[in-house]
Amino acid sequence: MRKRALARGVAVSVLGLGTVQFGRRTAVKYRYASPRPTDARIAELLATAKAVGVNLLDTAPAYGDSEARLGEAIAGERDNWVLCTKVGEEFDGRRSRHDFSAGEARRSVERSLCRLRTDCLDVALVHADGRPASAIKAEGVFRALRRLQREGLIRAIGYSGKGVADGRAALPDSDVLMCTVNAHWREEVPLVAEAGAAGVGVLVKKPLASGFHPHRVVARTADLPGVTAVVVGTLNPEHLAAHAESLEAARIGREPAR
């Protein structure tokens, strides 16, 4: 599968795997409910991802114990994967707690490094809660992430927002933006193009509107100007392979001719 530059020194597959369902089963919106995956199921899904050329894994502290399960599953194979996680939100099993202070950002990164069993996060994104990006920035989170980046604990930083104004305000401080694009939500398409033109990598979240649209949507979304990769959350290896095949059929995920 073709890889695209997400940030300096970070290249990701056009298709990424979202892992919220690895660790969180409550307060999430999915069309099809499924039980908590076994370790064997996670291993099977990651084996399929590797086989079809997916190297991007997206997680977060707010995804329950997703980080810890992911770290265990890829132990010994860390170099095969690009790990994207987040800071600013924790989930206690019932509700989320948000803290965008500099001190909490550092503590969050240190916890994620431990859970993921790595000495460096490839990408760390601010997990926004809907407040204006300027208010979140004022609490110190970007300043802390840049310092951690200089210390070598993070390769790229950025913002996972909740709208056009939010993402645009965070753009100058970000190496990477995570934006929402799907059949129901097209408002961020211009922002995606703007970010790409500015040299900022773009990860698309919720491309299937939580499972409500077919595989071909992934290929169309991956082909939008500015998109680096499309992150799909699934526990089904066959579904992941089908998304990869849709990219291949559209020639979007195919390696360039040599």
Protein backbone atom coordinates (compact mmCIF):
# COMPACT_ATOMS: atom_id res chain seq x y z
CA MET A 1 0.00 0.00 0.00
CA ARG A 2 1.21 3.48 -0.85
CA LYS A 3 2.55 5.56 2.01
CA ARG A 4 2.28 9.32 2.28
CA ALA A 5 4.30 11.80 4.31
CA LEU A 6 2.32 12.79 7.40
CA ALA A 7 5.02 14.92 9.00
CA ARG A 8 8.79 15.22 8.83
CA GLY A 9 10.18 11.71 9.13
CA VAL A 10 6.73 10.10 9.53
CA ALA A 11 5.25 8.20 6.58
CA VAL A 12 1.90 6.44 6.94
CA SER A 13 -0.22 4.09 4.90
CA VAL A 14 -3.21 5.70 3.18
CA LEU A 15 -5.43 3.52 5.38
CA GLY A 16 -5.11 3.59 9.16
CA LEU A 17 -6.70 1.43 11.84
CA GLY A 18 -8.62 3.09 14.67
CA THR A 19 -8.53 1.17 17.95
CA VAL A 20 -11.19 2.75 20.16
CA GLN A 21 -13.04 -0.58 20.28
CA PHE A 22 -9.95 -2.33 21.62
CA GLY A 23 -10.61 -0.79 25.00
CA ARG A 24 -13.85 1.20 25.17
CA ARG A 25 -17.35 -0.20 24.86
CA THR A 26 -19.43 2.54 26.52
CA ALA A 27 -20.44 6.03 25.39
CA VAL A 28 -19.50 5.28 21.78
CA LYS A 29 -21.67 5.43 18.67
CA TYR A 30 -21.49 2.40 16.42
CA ARG A 31 -24.15 0.92 14.21
CA TYR A 32 -23.24 -2.62 15.18
CA ALA A 33 -22.52 -3.44 18.81
CA SER A 34 -19.82 -6.04 19.36
CA PRO A 35 -18.27 -7.60 22.46
CA ARG A 36 -14.89 -6.63 23.80
CA PRO A 37 -12.31 -8.24 21.48
CA THR A 38 -10.11 -11.03 22.75
CA ASP A 39 -6.34 -10.78 22.57
CA ALA A 40 -6.47 -13.35 19.76
CA ARG A 41 -8.91 -11.20 17.80
CA ILE A 42 -6.69 -8.15 18.15
CA ALA A 43 -3.68 -10.19 17.01
CA GLU A 44 -5.64 -11.41 13.97
CA LEU A 45 -6.71 -7.87 13.09
CA LEU A 46 -3.15 -6.54 13.37
CA ALA A 47 -1.84 -9.43 11.28
CA THR A 48 -4.35 -8.53 8.57
CA ALA A 49 -3.36 -4.86 8.81
CA LYS A 50 0.28 -5.78 8.34
CA ALA A 51 -0.52 -8.12 5.44
CA VAL A 52 -2.43 -5.45 3.49
CA GLY A 53 0.18 -2.76 4.15
CA VAL A 54 -1.46 -0.74 6.94
CA ASN A 55 1.11 0.73 9.34
CA LEU A 56 -0.88 3.50 11.06
CA LEU A 57 -2.55 2.72 14.40
CA ASP A 58 -4.67 5.39 16.08
CA THR A 59 -5.43 5.26 19.80
CA ALA A 60 -5.96 7.54 22.81
CA PRO A 61 -6.07 7.51 26.61
CA ALA A 62 -9.81 8.15 26.27
CA TYR A 63 -10.22 4.77 24.56
CA GLY A 64 -10.23 2.81 27.81
CA ASP A 65 -7.31 0.37 27.91
CA SER A 66 -6.77 0.50 24.15
CA GLU A 67 -3.22 1.85 24.54
CA ALA A 68 -2.20 -0.90 26.94
CA ARG A 69 -3.73 -3.66 24.81
CA LEU A 70 -2.12 -2.23 21.70
CA GLY A 71 1.26 -1.99 23.39
CA GLU A 72 1.04 -5.62 24.42
CA ALA A 73 -0.11 -6.74 20.97
CA ILE A 74 2.77 -5.09 19.09
CA ALA A 75 5.50 -5.93 21.61
CA GLY A 76 8.62 -6.86 19.67
CA GLU A 77 7.23 -5.33 16.46
CA ARG A 78 7.17 -1.65 17.36
CA ASP A 79 9.22 -0.61 14.33
CA ASN A 80 6.51 -1.95 12.00
CA TRP A 81 3.96 0.61 13.17
CA VAL A 82 3.27 4.34 13.31
CA LEU A 83 1.55 5.09 16.62
CA CYS A 84 -0.79 8.05 16.93
CA THR A 85 -2.25 8.84 20.33
CA LYS A 86 -3.71 11.88 22.06
CA VAL A 87 -3.58 14.08 25.15
CA GLY A 88 -6.16 16.12 27.02
CA GLU A 89 -8.92 13.55 27.60
CA GLU A 90 -9.21 10.60 29.97
CA PHE A 91 -12.23 8.29 30.29
CA ASP A 92 -13.13 6.65 33.61
CA GLY A 93 -15.64 4.15 32.22
CA ARG A 94 -18.61 6.50 32.50
CA ARG A 95 -17.52 9.99 31.55
CA SER A 96 -14.60 11.91 30.12
CA ARG A 97 -12.36 14.33 31.98
CA HIS A 98 -10.47 17.02 30.07
CA ASP A 99 -7.27 18.74 31.16
CA PHE A 100 -5.17 20.75 28.70
CA SER A 101 -2.58 22.05 31.13
CA ALA A 102 1.13 21.71 30.35
CA GLY A 103 1.71 19.49 33.36
CA GLU A 104 -1.08 17.10 32.47
CA ALA A 105 0.10 16.94 28.84
CA ARG A 106 3.51 15.72 30.01
CA ARG A 107 1.97 13.21 32.43
CA SER A 108 -0.34 11.95 29.70
CA VAL A 109 2.53 11.43 27.25
CA GLU A 110 4.56 9.61 29.90
CA ARG A 111 1.61 7.30 30.63
CA SER A 112 1.09 6.64 26.93
CA LEU A 113 4.77 5.80 26.42
CA CYS A 114 4.49 3.25 29.23
CA ARG A 115 1.22 1.74 28.04
CA LEU A 116 2.38 1.51 24.43
CA ARG A 117 5.77 0.13 25.50
CA THR A 118 7.73 2.59 23.41
CA ASP A 119 10.27 5.34 23.99
CA CYS A 120 8.78 7.69 21.39
CA LEU A 121 5.28 8.51 20.14
CA ASP A 122 5.09 9.04 16.39
CA VAL A 123 2.15 11.43 16.69
CA ALA A 124 0.47 13.06 19.71
CA LEU A 125 -2.71 15.04 19.08
CA VAL A 126 -4.66 17.33 21.37
CA HIS A 127 -8.00 15.56 21.96
CA ALA A 128 -10.26 18.62 21.82
CA ASP A 129 -13.53 18.81 23.74
CA GLY A 130 -15.36 21.46 21.72
CA ARG A 131 -13.94 24.54 23.43
CA PRO A 132 -12.29 27.07 21.11
CA ALA A 133 -8.79 26.04 20.14
CA SER A 134 -7.50 29.37 21.45
CA ALA A 135 -8.82 28.57 24.93
CA ILE A 136 -7.27 25.11 24.86
CA LYS A 137 -3.96 26.51 23.66
CA ALA A 138 -3.95 29.07 26.48
CA GLU A 139 -3.84 26.25 29.04
CA GLY A 140 -0.37 25.26 27.83
CA VAL A 141 -0.87 21.97 26.03
CA PHE A 142 0.81 22.96 22.75
CA ARG A 143 3.76 24.47 24.57
CA ALA A 144 4.23 21.22 26.49
CA LEU A 145 3.94 19.07 23.37
CA ARG A 146 6.55 21.12 21.51
CA ARG A 147 8.91 20.74 24.45
CA LEU A 148 8.35 16.98 24.51
CA GLN A 149 8.98 16.95 20.77
CA ARG A 150 12.31 18.73 21.27
CA GLU A 151 13.18 16.18 23.93
CA GLY A 152 12.64 13.38 21.40
CA LEU A 153 9.59 11.84 23.07
CA ILE A 154 7.23 12.81 20.21
CA ARG A 155 7.94 13.00 16.49
CA ALA A 156 4.91 15.08 15.42
CA ILE A 157 2.20 16.99 17.27
CA GLY A 158 -1.21 18.23 16.27
CA TYR A 159 -4.90 18.63 16.92
CA SER A 160 -8.02 16.48 16.69
CA GLY A 161 -10.79 19.07 16.57
CA LYS A 162 -14.53 19.36 16.22
CA GLY A 163 -15.07 21.78 13.37
CA VAL A 164 -13.65 24.11 10.77
CA ALA A 165 -12.97 27.11 13.01
CA ASP A 166 -11.43 24.82 15.62
CA GLY A 167 -9.06 23.16 13.17
CA ARG A 168 -8.13 26.38 11.39
CA ALA A 169 -7.20 28.04 14.70
CA ALA A 170 -4.96 25.10 15.60
CA LEU A 171 -3.32 24.90 12.19
CA PRO A 172 -0.32 27.19 12.93
CA ASP A 173 0.62 25.08 15.97
CA SER A 174 0.21 21.68 14.31
CA ASP A 175 2.26 19.26 12.26
CA VAL A 176 -0.87 17.11 11.87
CA LEU A 177 -4.62 17.74 11.94
CA MET A 178 -7.29 15.11 12.47
CA CYS A 179 -10.49 16.16 10.70
CA THR A 180 -13.95 14.67 10.22
CA VAL A 181 -15.10 13.99 6.68
CA ASN A 182 -17.95 11.70 5.67
CA ALA A 183 -21.17 11.69 3.64
CA HIS A 184 -23.00 13.61 6.38
CA TRP A 185 -20.22 16.07 7.21
CA ARG A 186 -18.43 17.86 4.35
CA GLU A 187 -17.76 21.20 6.05
CA GLU A 188 -14.13 20.31 6.81
CA VAL A 189 -13.19 19.43 3.22
CA PRO A 190 -11.86 22.98 2.54
CA LEU A 191 -9.91 22.86 5.83
CA VAL A 192 -8.31 19.58 4.75
CA ALA A 193 -7.18 21.14 1.48
CA GLU A 194 -5.92 24.24 3.31
CA ALA A 195 -3.90 22.10 5.73
CA GLY A 196 -2.41 20.08 2.90
CA ALA A 197 -1.40 23.25 1.05
CA ALA A 198 0.30 24.47 4.24
CA GLY A 199 2.33 21.25 4.53
CA VAL A 200 0.34 19.95 7.50
CA GLY A 201 -0.57 16.26 7.45
CA VAL A 202 -4.25 15.33 7.65
CA LEU A 203 -5.80 12.24 9.18
CA VAL A 204 -9.52 11.76 8.49
CA LYS A 205 -11.62 10.35 11.32
CA LYS A 206 -15.17 8.99 11.18
CA PRO A 207 -15.07 8.48 7.38
CA LEU A 208 -17.88 5.93 7.57
CA ALA A 209 -20.01 7.97 10.01
CA SER A 210 -19.56 5.25 12.65
CA GLY A 211 -20.14 2.41 10.25
CA PHE A 212 -23.04 3.74 8.19
CA HIS A 213 -21.39 3.85 4.75
CA PRO A 214 -19.78 1.31 2.40
CA HIS A 215 -16.13 0.62 1.66
CA ARG A 216 -15.99 2.74 -1.50
CA VAL A 217 -16.38 5.89 0.62
CA VAL A 218 -12.90 5.30 2.04
CA ALA A 219 -11.30 5.45 -1.40
CA ARG A 220 -13.16 8.62 -2.34
CA THR A 221 -12.16 10.27 0.92
CA ALA A 222 -8.51 9.23 0.61
CA ASP A 223 -8.44 10.90 -2.82
CA LEU A 224 -9.52 14.32 -1.53
CA PRO A 225 -6.88 17.09 -1.81
CA GLY A 226 -4.88 17.34 1.39
CA VAL A 227 -5.78 13.96 2.88
CA THR A 228 -2.80 11.93 4.08
CA ALA A 229 -4.64 8.93 5.50
CA VAL A 230 -8.13 7.75 6.38
CA VAL A 231 -8.56 6.08 9.79
CA VAL A 232 -11.19 3.35 9.98
CA GLY A 233 -12.23 1.75 13.24
CA THR A 234 -13.11 -1.94 12.96
CA LEU A 235 -12.70 -5.24 14.79
CA ASN A 236 -13.35 -7.26 11.65
CA PRO A 237 -10.26 -8.34 9.66
CA GLU A 238 -12.40 -8.94 6.58
CA HIS A 239 -13.76 -5.41 6.71
CA LEU A 240 -10.24 -3.98 7.05
CA ALA A 241 -9.07 -6.04 4.07
CA ALA A 242 -12.10 -4.85 2.05
CA HIS A 243 -11.20 -1.21 2.74
CA ALA A 244 -7.64 -1.91 1.58
CA GLU A 245 -8.98 -3.59 -1.56
CA SER A 246 -11.17 -0.57 -2.32
CA LEU A 247 -8.07 1.62 -2.22
CA GLU A 248 -6.21 -0.81 -4.43
CA ALA A 249 -9.07 -0.91 -6.94
CA ALA A 250 -9.03 2.88 -7.09
CA ARG A 251 -5.23 2.78 -7.38
CA ILE A 252 -5.01 5.07 -4.35
CA GLY A 253 -3.36 2.53 -2.10
CA ARG A 254 -1.09 1.04 -4.76
CA GLU A 255 2.66 1.49 -4.60
CA PRO A 256 3.93 3.80 -7.36
CA ALA A 257 5.61 2.18 -10.34
CA ARG A 258 9.37 1.83 -10.03
